[in-house]
Amino acid sequence: MNELLKVEGIKKVYQTQFKGMPVEALRNIDLSVEKGDYVAIMGESGSGKSTLLNLIATLDKPSSGTILLDGMDLNTIKEKNAAAFRRDHLGFVFQDFNLLDTFSVKDNILLPLVLSRTPVKELMSELKPVVKALGIEKLLEKYPYELSGGQKQRVAVARAIITNPELLLADEPTGALDSKTSEQLLQIFQRLNDNGQTILMVTHSSIAASHAKRVMFIKDGQVYHQLYRGNKDNYEFLETINETLTALLSKEA
């Protein structure tokens, strides 16, 4: 067992704006992710899945519990060091791409390395294999506003993986894409995972989740159920996921 991420007893409580009543977004969340794993997190809006991703991303801190990434306690990272930690250890893919329109595609992809003060002579050697793997070599001098949604997401993936992050975090990565483009992106994720990239993805999409090795369902701030792919192909795993979602919803009815 080669554990990369360990989440233990995580709680997150928010104070509501008006009456000051506490809202428990997460309670007693336990999660373990091994190196090379590919985990999808599913749940209805408000279930706590994006809150959990934000805690793992060090964008927020838990009310209690611990999050360890490769043995490092993320709660001990000071706010002034958090951005550098994220840049050096984590990759991010968002639903809305989060590209800088005033930067070319090349500069968007290289930004994490530039911020890390990577020597100029190393930048292109890091860039070439990444853009080739994603099929975006011809887009480097274009700007985000000139690209399709699928092209933007490939650029976002390139930016996320150019630092060779220990963990790739994806928040609804197919949410703004059509079905054909979504499938292309999911195939890219699957290839990245086949090459050893650990991925943790929040998604509403059963189809997206069916590409993962494991699916974790969150309900009312708790881990409700987990599914493991085993020997199932994507279609068989999709059917299992949909059956579980139907059962989950029927229990609420």
C-alpha atoms as a PDB file:
ATOM      1  CA  MET A   1       0.000   0.000   0.000  1.00  0.00           C
ATOM      2  CA  ASN A   2       1.463   3.337  -1.110  1.00  0.00           C
ATOM      3  CA  GLU A   3      -0.774   5.957   0.466  1.00  0.00           C
ATOM      4  CA  LEU A   4      -0.648   9.477  -0.963  1.00  0.00           C
ATOM      5  CA  LEU A   5      -3.653  11.187   0.637  1.00  0.00           C
ATOM      6  CA  LYS A   6      -5.193  10.430   4.021  1.00  0.00           C
ATOM      7  CA  VAL A   7      -8.254  12.309   5.271  1.00  0.00           C
ATOM      8  CA  GLU A   8      -9.273  11.495   8.860  1.00  0.00           C
ATOM      9  CA  GLY A   9     -12.273  12.678  10.861  1.00  0.00           C
ATOM     10  CA  ILE A  10     -12.759  15.818   8.809  1.00  0.00           C
ATOM     11  CA  LYS A  11     -15.486  18.208   9.909  1.00  0.00           C
ATOM     12  CA  LYS A  12     -16.302  21.581   8.384  1.00  0.00           C
ATOM     13  CA  VAL A  13     -18.736  23.925  10.099  1.00  0.00           C
ATOM     14  CA  TYR A  14     -19.795  27.282   8.649  1.00  0.00           C
ATOM     15  CA  GLN A  15     -21.535  30.093  10.471  1.00  0.00           C
ATOM     16  CA  THR A  16     -24.570  31.359   8.568  1.00  0.00           C
ATOM     17  CA  GLN A  17     -24.510  35.032   7.718  1.00  0.00           C
ATOM     18  CA  PHE A  18     -27.664  36.204   9.445  1.00  0.00           C
ATOM     19  CA  LYS A  19     -28.679  34.220  12.525  1.00  0.00           C
ATOM     20  CA  GLY A  20     -25.229  32.838  13.199  1.00  0.00           C
ATOM     21  CA  MET A  21     -26.516  29.266  13.242  1.00  0.00           C
ATOM     22  CA  PRO A  22     -23.728  26.768  12.463  1.00  0.00           C
ATOM     23  CA  VAL A  23     -24.082  24.656   9.311  1.00  0.00           C
ATOM     24  CA  GLU A  24     -22.204  21.357   9.219  1.00  0.00           C
ATOM     25  CA  ALA A  25     -20.975  20.949   5.641  1.00  0.00           C
ATOM     26  CA  LEU A  26     -18.843  17.866   6.381  1.00  0.00           C
ATOM     27  CA  ARG A  27     -18.857  15.479   9.312  1.00  0.00           C
ATOM     28  CA  ASN A  28     -16.465  12.649  10.093  1.00  0.00           C
ATOM     29  CA  ILE A  29     -15.137  12.240   6.559  1.00  0.00           C
ATOM     30  CA  ASP A  30     -12.491   9.534   6.164  1.00  0.00           C
ATOM     31  CA  LEU A  31     -10.787   9.005   2.821  1.00  0.00           C
ATOM     32  CA  SER A  32      -7.613   7.289   1.694  1.00  0.00           C
ATOM     33  CA  VAL A  33      -6.117   7.623  -1.794  1.00  0.00           C
ATOM     34  CA  GLU A  34      -3.150   5.579  -2.939  1.00  0.00           C
ATOM     35  CA  LYS A  35      -0.575   6.739  -5.462  1.00  0.00           C
ATOM     36  CA  GLY A  36      -1.851   5.985  -8.966  1.00  0.00           C
ATOM     37  CA  ASP A  37      -5.500   5.862  -7.863  1.00  0.00           C
ATOM     38  CA  TYR A  38      -8.333   7.591  -9.745  1.00  0.00           C
ATOM     39  CA  VAL A  39     -11.227   8.509  -7.445  1.00  0.00           C
ATOM     40  CA  ALA A  40     -14.496  10.202  -8.405  1.00  0.00           C
ATOM     41  CA  ILE A  41     -16.566  11.936  -5.729  1.00  0.00           C
ATOM     42  CA  MET A  42     -20.295  12.160  -6.394  1.00  0.00           C
ATOM     43  CA  GLY A  43     -23.207  13.692  -4.531  1.00  0.00           C
ATOM     44  CA  GLU A  44     -26.026  16.174  -4.962  1.00  0.00           C
ATOM     45  CA  SER A  45     -25.449  19.934  -4.840  1.00  0.00           C
ATOM     46  CA  GLY A  46     -24.867  20.883  -1.228  1.00  0.00           C
ATOM     47  CA  SER A  47     -23.709  17.396  -0.230  1.00  0.00           C
ATOM     48  CA  GLY A  48     -20.225  18.646   0.675  1.00  0.00           C
ATOM     49  CA  LYS A  49     -18.148  17.258  -2.193  1.00  0.00           C
ATOM     50  CA  SER A  50     -16.759  20.619  -3.379  1.00  0.00           C
ATOM     51  CA  THR A  51     -16.117  21.619   0.249  1.00  0.00           C
ATOM     52  CA  LEU A  52     -14.017  18.480   0.650  1.00  0.00           C
ATOM     53  CA  LEU A  53     -12.077  19.246  -2.532  1.00  0.00           C
ATOM     54  CA  ASN A  54     -11.385  22.787  -1.322  1.00  0.00           C
ATOM     55  CA  LEU A  55     -10.011  21.459   1.975  1.00  0.00           C
ATOM     56  CA  ILE A  56      -7.706  19.019   0.205  1.00  0.00           C
ATOM     57  CA  ALA A  57      -6.643  21.865  -2.106  1.00  0.00           C
ATOM     58  CA  THR A  58      -5.691  23.975   0.977  1.00  0.00           C
ATOM     59  CA  LEU A  59      -8.135  26.656  -0.220  1.00  0.00           C
ATOM     60  CA  ASP A  60      -9.933  26.299   3.117  1.00  0.00           C
ATOM     61  CA  LYS A  61      -9.193  24.714   6.492  1.00  0.00           C
ATOM     62  CA  PRO A  62     -11.275  22.055   8.279  1.00  0.00           C
ATOM     63  CA  SER A  63     -12.947  22.758  11.601  1.00  0.00           C
ATOM     64  CA  SER A  64     -11.413  19.532  12.909  1.00  0.00           C
ATOM     65  CA  GLY A  65      -9.639  16.441  11.627  1.00  0.00           C
ATOM     66  CA  THR A  66      -6.433  15.955   9.635  1.00  0.00           C
ATOM     67  CA  ILE A  67      -5.488  15.864   5.961  1.00  0.00           C
ATOM     68  CA  LEU A  68      -2.120  14.330   5.085  1.00  0.00           C
ATOM     69  CA  LEU A  69      -0.579  14.565   1.621  1.00  0.00           C
ATOM     70  CA  ASP A  70       2.447  12.300   1.311  1.00  0.00           C
ATOM     71  CA  GLY A  71       2.764  12.486   5.086  1.00  0.00           C
ATOM     72  CA  MET A  72       2.545  16.287   5.310  1.00  0.00           C
ATOM     73  CA  ASP A  73      -0.205  17.682   7.534  1.00  0.00           C
ATOM     74  CA  LEU A  74      -1.930  20.301   5.372  1.00  0.00           C
ATOM     75  CA  ASN A  75      -3.342  22.052   8.451  1.00  0.00           C
ATOM     76  CA  THR A  76       0.188  23.113   9.410  1.00  0.00           C
ATOM     77  CA  ILE A  77       0.813  25.003   6.148  1.00  0.00           C
ATOM     78  CA  LYS A  78       0.840  28.743   6.823  1.00  0.00           C
ATOM     79  CA  GLU A  79      -1.365  30.905   4.636  1.00  0.00           C
ATOM     80  CA  LYS A  80       1.627  32.765   3.193  1.00  0.00           C
ATOM     81  CA  ASN A  81       3.079  29.414   2.010  1.00  0.00           C
ATOM     82  CA  ALA A  82      -0.177  27.865   0.756  1.00  0.00           C
ATOM     83  CA  ALA A  83       0.007  29.177  -2.830  1.00  0.00           C
ATOM     84  CA  ALA A  84       3.549  27.856  -3.288  1.00  0.00           C
ATOM     85  CA  PHE A  85       2.540  24.504  -1.781  1.00  0.00           C
ATOM     86  CA  ARG A  86      -0.403  24.189  -4.201  1.00  0.00           C
ATOM     87  CA  ARG A  87       1.799  25.108  -7.136  1.00  0.00           C
ATOM     88  CA  ASP A  88       4.480  22.571  -6.225  1.00  0.00           C
ATOM     89  CA  HIS A  89       2.319  19.619  -5.190  1.00  0.00           C
ATOM     90  CA  LEU A  90      -1.170  19.932  -6.700  1.00  0.00           C
ATOM     91  CA  GLY A  91      -2.679  20.337 -10.159  1.00  0.00           C
ATOM     92  CA  PHE A  92      -6.119  21.872 -10.718  1.00  0.00           C
ATOM     93  CA  VAL A  93      -8.695  21.486 -13.495  1.00  0.00           C
ATOM     94  CA  PHE A  94     -11.869  23.573 -13.133  1.00  0.00           C
ATOM     95  CA  GLN A  95     -15.234  23.549 -14.876  1.00  0.00           C
ATOM     96  CA  ASP A  96     -14.739  27.116 -16.147  1.00  0.00           C
ATOM     97  CA  PHE A  97     -11.093  26.579 -17.202  1.00  0.00           C
ATOM     98  CA  ASN A  98      -9.682  29.597 -15.247  1.00  0.00           C
ATOM     99  CA  LEU A  99      -7.357  30.627 -18.087  1.00  0.00           C
ATOM    100  CA  LEU A 100      -5.934  34.144 -18.353  1.00  0.00           C
ATOM    101  CA  ASP A 101      -7.296  35.790 -21.502  1.00  0.00           C
ATOM    102  CA  THR A 102      -4.386  38.227 -21.768  1.00  0.00           C
ATOM    103  CA  PHE A 103      -1.897  35.338 -21.839  1.00  0.00           C
ATOM    104  CA  SER A 104      -1.229  33.130 -24.847  1.00  0.00           C
ATOM    105  CA  VAL A 105      -1.867  29.402 -24.549  1.00  0.00           C
ATOM    106  CA  LYS A 106       1.869  28.830 -24.105  1.00  0.00           C
ATOM    107  CA  ASP A 107       2.120  31.414 -21.320  1.00  0.00           C
ATOM    108  CA  ASN A 108      -0.978  30.028 -19.564  1.00  0.00           C
ATOM    109  CA  ILE A 109       0.543  26.543 -19.522  1.00  0.00           C
ATOM    110  CA  LEU A 110       3.972  27.730 -18.399  1.00  0.00           C
ATOM    111  CA  LEU A 111       2.663  30.038 -15.661  1.00  0.00           C
ATOM    112  CA  PRO A 112       3.111  27.571 -12.737  1.00  0.00           C
ATOM    113  CA  LEU A 113       6.721  26.939 -13.785  1.00  0.00           C
ATOM    114  CA  VAL A 114       7.421  30.653 -14.209  1.00  0.00           C
ATOM    115  CA  LEU A 115       6.020  31.341 -10.736  1.00  0.00           C
ATOM    116  CA  SER A 116       8.250  28.554  -9.403  1.00  0.00           C
ATOM    117  CA  ARG A 117      11.222  30.328 -11.017  1.00  0.00           C
ATOM    118  CA  THR A 118      12.053  27.430 -13.299  1.00  0.00           C
ATOM    119  CA  PRO A 119      15.053  28.388 -15.483  1.00  0.00           C
ATOM    120  CA  VAL A 120      14.019  29.661 -18.932  1.00  0.00           C
ATOM    121  CA  LYS A 121      16.019  26.970 -20.747  1.00  0.00           C
ATOM    122  CA  GLU A 122      14.002  24.261 -18.949  1.00  0.00           C
ATOM    123  CA  LEU A 123      10.585  25.715 -19.786  1.00  0.00           C
ATOM    124  CA  MET A 124      10.398  24.500 -23.388  1.00  0.00           C
ATOM    125  CA  SER A 125      11.715  21.048 -22.551  1.00  0.00           C
ATOM    126  CA  GLU A 126       8.911  20.708 -19.993  1.00  0.00           C
ATOM    127  CA  LEU A 127       6.326  22.167 -22.372  1.00  0.00           C
ATOM    128  CA  LYS A 128       6.896  20.036 -25.470  1.00  0.00           C
ATOM    129  CA  PRO A 129       5.940  16.558 -24.167  1.00  0.00           C
ATOM    130  CA  VAL A 130       2.863  17.903 -22.354  1.00  0.00           C
ATOM    131  CA  VAL A 131       1.361  19.750 -25.339  1.00  0.00           C
ATOM    132  CA  LYS A 132       2.184  16.834 -27.637  1.00  0.00           C
ATOM    133  CA  ALA A 133       0.387  14.375 -25.343  1.00  0.00           C
ATOM    134  CA  LEU A 134      -2.683  16.646 -25.350  1.00  0.00           C
ATOM    135  CA  GLY A 135      -2.587  17.411 -29.079  1.00  0.00           C
ATOM    136  CA  ILE A 136      -2.402  21.184 -28.654  1.00  0.00           C
ATOM    137  CA  GLU A 137       0.998  21.953 -30.241  1.00  0.00           C
ATOM    138  CA  LYS A 138      -0.626  24.172 -32.888  1.00  0.00           C
ATOM    139  CA  LEU A 139      -2.499  26.276 -30.338  1.00  0.00           C
ATOM    140  CA  LEU A 140       0.475  27.676 -28.410  1.00  0.00           C
ATOM    141  CA  GLU A 141       0.419  31.176 -29.912  1.00  0.00           C
ATOM    142  CA  LYS A 142      -3.369  31.532 -29.725  1.00  0.00           C
ATOM    143  CA  TYR A 143      -5.292  33.171 -26.897  1.00  0.00           C
ATOM    144  CA  PRO A 144      -8.056  31.526 -24.806  1.00  0.00           C
ATOM    145  CA  TYR A 145     -10.827  33.616 -26.416  1.00  0.00           C
ATOM    146  CA  GLU A 146      -9.866  32.055 -29.769  1.00  0.00           C
ATOM    147  CA  LEU A 147     -10.369  28.482 -28.516  1.00  0.00           C
ATOM    148  CA  SER A 148     -13.318  26.107 -28.229  1.00  0.00           C
ATOM    149  CA  GLY A 149     -14.382  24.798 -24.817  1.00  0.00           C
ATOM    150  CA  GLY A 150     -12.626  21.500 -25.412  1.00  0.00           C
ATOM    151  CA  GLN A 151      -9.413  23.216 -26.451  1.00  0.00           C
ATOM    152  CA  LYS A 152      -9.548  25.458 -23.377  1.00  0.00           C
ATOM    153  CA  GLN A 153      -9.925  22.434 -21.123  1.00  0.00           C
ATOM    154  CA  ARG A 154      -6.937  20.707 -22.755  1.00  0.00           C
ATOM    155  CA  VAL A 155      -4.890  23.836 -22.096  1.00  0.00           C
ATOM    156  CA  ALA A 156      -6.105  23.822 -18.487  1.00  0.00           C
ATOM    157  CA  VAL A 157      -5.072  20.166 -18.144  1.00  0.00           C
ATOM    158  CA  ALA A 158      -1.645  20.973 -19.619  1.00  0.00           C
ATOM    159  CA  ARG A 159      -1.194  23.777 -17.074  1.00  0.00           C
ATOM    160  CA  ALA A 160      -2.270  21.424 -14.272  1.00  0.00           C
ATOM    161  CA  ILE A 161       0.147  18.606 -15.105  1.00  0.00           C
ATOM    162  CA  ILE A 162       3.235  20.526 -16.279  1.00  0.00           C
ATOM    163  CA  THR A 163       4.568  20.608 -12.707  1.00  0.00           C
ATOM    164  CA  ASN A 164       4.186  16.809 -12.364  1.00  0.00           C
ATOM    165  CA  PRO A 165       1.865  17.199  -9.360  1.00  0.00           C
ATOM    166  CA  GLU A 166       1.473  14.435  -6.805  1.00  0.00           C
ATOM    167  CA  LEU A 167      -2.295  14.880  -6.995  1.00  0.00           C
ATOM    168  CA  LEU A 168      -4.511  16.194  -9.797  1.00  0.00           C
ATOM    169  CA  LEU A 169      -7.745  17.744  -8.478  1.00  0.00           C
ATOM    170  CA  ALA A 170     -10.602  18.150 -10.965  1.00  0.00           C
ATOM    171  CA  ASP A 171     -13.811  20.017 -10.085  1.00  0.00           C
ATOM    172  CA  GLU A 172     -16.604  19.190 -12.574  1.00  0.00           C
ATOM    173  CA  PRO A 173     -14.070  19.100 -15.447  1.00  0.00           C
ATOM    174  CA  THR A 174     -16.698  18.089 -18.039  1.00  0.00           C
ATOM    175  CA  GLY A 175     -19.412  20.427 -16.759  1.00  0.00           C
ATOM    176  CA  ALA A 176     -19.001  23.024 -19.530  1.00  0.00           C
ATOM    177  CA  LEU A 177     -18.329  20.553 -22.361  1.00  0.00           C
ATOM    178  CA  ASP A 178     -20.566  18.736 -24.851  1.00  0.00           C
ATOM    179  CA  SER A 179     -20.725  14.943 -24.745  1.00  0.00           C
ATOM    180  CA  LYS A 180     -18.145  14.314 -27.493  1.00  0.00           C
ATOM    181  CA  THR A 181     -15.620  16.757 -26.029  1.00  0.00           C
ATOM    182  CA  SER A 182     -16.270  15.380 -22.536  1.00  0.00           C
ATOM    183  CA  GLU A 183     -15.425  11.879 -23.720  1.00  0.00           C
ATOM    184  CA  GLN A 184     -12.178  13.125 -25.274  1.00  0.00           C
ATOM    185  CA  LEU A 185     -11.207  14.810 -22.003  1.00  0.00           C
ATOM    186  CA  LEU A 186     -12.066  11.701 -19.985  1.00  0.00           C
ATOM    187  CA  GLN A 187      -9.885   9.600 -22.269  1.00  0.00           C
ATOM    188  CA  ILE A 188      -7.047  12.051 -21.587  1.00  0.00           C
ATOM    189  CA  PHE A 189      -7.603  11.639 -17.842  1.00  0.00           C
ATOM    190  CA  GLN A 190      -7.588   7.879 -18.234  1.00  0.00           C
ATOM    191  CA  ARG A 191      -4.275   8.002 -20.139  1.00  0.00           C
ATOM    192  CA  LEU A 192      -2.776  10.264 -17.472  1.00  0.00           C
ATOM    193  CA  ASN A 193      -3.874   7.809 -14.799  1.00  0.00           C
ATOM    194  CA  ASP A 194      -2.516   4.857 -16.805  1.00  0.00           C
ATOM    195  CA  ASN A 195       0.826   6.701 -16.752  1.00  0.00           C
ATOM    196  CA  GLY A 196       0.715   6.980 -12.963  1.00  0.00           C
ATOM    197  CA  GLN A 197      -1.042  10.297 -12.313  1.00  0.00           C
ATOM    198  CA  THR A 198      -3.208  10.215  -9.173  1.00  0.00           C
ATOM    199  CA  ILE A 199      -6.563  11.904  -9.814  1.00  0.00           C
ATOM    200  CA  LEU A 200      -9.346  13.049  -7.484  1.00  0.00           C
ATOM    201  CA  MET A 201     -12.394  14.303  -9.390  1.00  0.00           C
ATOM    202  CA  VAL A 202     -15.657  15.849  -8.192  1.00  0.00           C
ATOM    203  CA  THR A 203     -18.445  15.283 -10.703  1.00  0.00           C
ATOM    204  CA  HIS A 204     -22.217  15.176 -11.148  1.00  0.00           C
ATOM    205  CA  SER A 205     -21.747  13.007 -14.242  1.00  0.00           C
ATOM    206  CA  SER A 206     -22.120   9.225 -13.988  1.00  0.00           C
ATOM    207  CA  ILE A 207     -20.325   8.950 -17.329  1.00  0.00           C
ATOM    208  CA  ALA A 208     -17.334  10.914 -16.018  1.00  0.00           C
ATOM    209  CA  ALA A 209     -17.296   8.845 -12.815  1.00  0.00           C
ATOM    210  CA  SER A 210     -17.356   5.591 -14.822  1.00  0.00           C
ATOM    211  CA  HIS A 211     -13.800   6.336 -16.015  1.00  0.00           C
ATOM    212  CA  ALA A 212     -12.482   6.278 -12.437  1.00  0.00           C
ATOM    213  CA  LYS A 213     -11.213   3.261 -10.503  1.00  0.00           C
ATOM    214  CA  ARG A 214     -13.383   4.095  -7.501  1.00  0.00           C
ATOM    215  CA  VAL A 215     -16.461   6.221  -6.836  1.00  0.00           C
ATOM    216  CA  MET A 216     -17.222   7.718  -3.454  1.00  0.00           C
ATOM    217  CA  PHE A 217     -20.735   9.009  -2.765  1.00  0.00           C
ATOM    218  CA  ILE A 218     -21.193  11.862  -0.284  1.00  0.00           C
ATOM    219  CA  LYS A 219     -24.586  12.583   1.228  1.00  0.00           C
ATOM    220  CA  ASP A 220     -25.386  15.144   3.932  1.00  0.00           C
ATOM    221  CA  GLY A 221     -21.694  15.748   4.575  1.00  0.00           C
ATOM    222  CA  GLN A 222     -20.794  12.087   5.097  1.00  0.00           C
ATOM    223  CA  VAL A 223     -19.390   9.249   3.015  1.00  0.00           C
ATOM    224  CA  TYR A 224     -22.518   7.314   2.114  1.00  0.00           C
ATOM    225  CA  HIS A 225     -21.136   4.534  -0.078  1.00  0.00           C
ATOM    226  CA  GLN A 226     -18.139   3.542  -2.209  1.00  0.00           C
ATOM    227  CA  LEU A 227     -17.907   1.546  -5.425  1.00  0.00           C
ATOM    228  CA  TYR A 228     -14.835  -0.133  -6.853  1.00  0.00           C
ATOM    229  CA  ARG A 229     -14.429  -0.774 -10.559  1.00  0.00           C
ATOM    230  CA  GLY A 230     -12.740  -4.138 -10.200  1.00  0.00           C
ATOM    231  CA  ASN A 231     -12.748  -5.855 -13.598  1.00  0.00           C
ATOM    232  CA  LYS A 232     -15.703  -3.899 -15.000  1.00  0.00           C
ATOM    233  CA  ASP A 233     -15.335  -1.935 -18.219  1.00  0.00           C
ATOM    234  CA  ASN A 234     -16.572   1.666 -18.365  1.00  0.00           C
ATOM    235  CA  TYR A 235     -20.077   0.685 -19.507  1.00  0.00           C
ATOM    236  CA  GLU A 236     -20.510  -1.964 -16.799  1.00  0.00           C
ATOM    237  CA  PHE A 237     -19.189   0.419 -14.159  1.00  0.00           C
ATOM    238  CA  LEU A 238     -21.557   3.146 -15.433  1.00  0.00           C
ATOM    239  CA  GLU A 239     -24.523   0.811 -14.925  1.00  0.00           C
ATOM    240  CA  THR A 240     -23.401   0.057 -11.362  1.00  0.00           C
ATOM    241  CA  ILE A 241     -22.994   3.775 -10.608  1.00  0.00           C
ATOM    242  CA  ASN A 242     -26.455   4.578 -11.971  1.00  0.00           C
ATOM    243  CA  GLU A 243     -28.025   1.755  -9.947  1.00  0.00           C
ATOM    244  CA  THR A 244     -26.388   3.138  -6.805  1.00  0.00           C
ATOM    245  CA  LEU A 245     -27.594   6.676  -7.560  1.00  0.00           C
ATOM    246  CA  THR A 246     -31.136   5.385  -8.116  1.00  0.00           C
ATOM    247  CA  ALA A 247     -31.037   3.544  -4.783  1.00  0.00           C
ATOM    248  CA  LEU A 248     -29.662   6.627  -3.050  1.00  0.00           C
ATOM    249  CA  LEU A 249     -32.428   8.822  -4.455  1.00  0.00           C
ATOM    250  CA  SER A 250     -35.173   6.289  -3.712  1.00  0.00           C
ATOM    251  CA  LYS A 251     -34.160   6.251  -0.035  1.00  0.00           C
ATOM    252  CA  GLU A 252     -34.717   9.994   0.043  1.00  0.00           C
ATOM    253  CA  ALA A 253     -38.180   9.754  -1.525  1.00  0.00           C
END
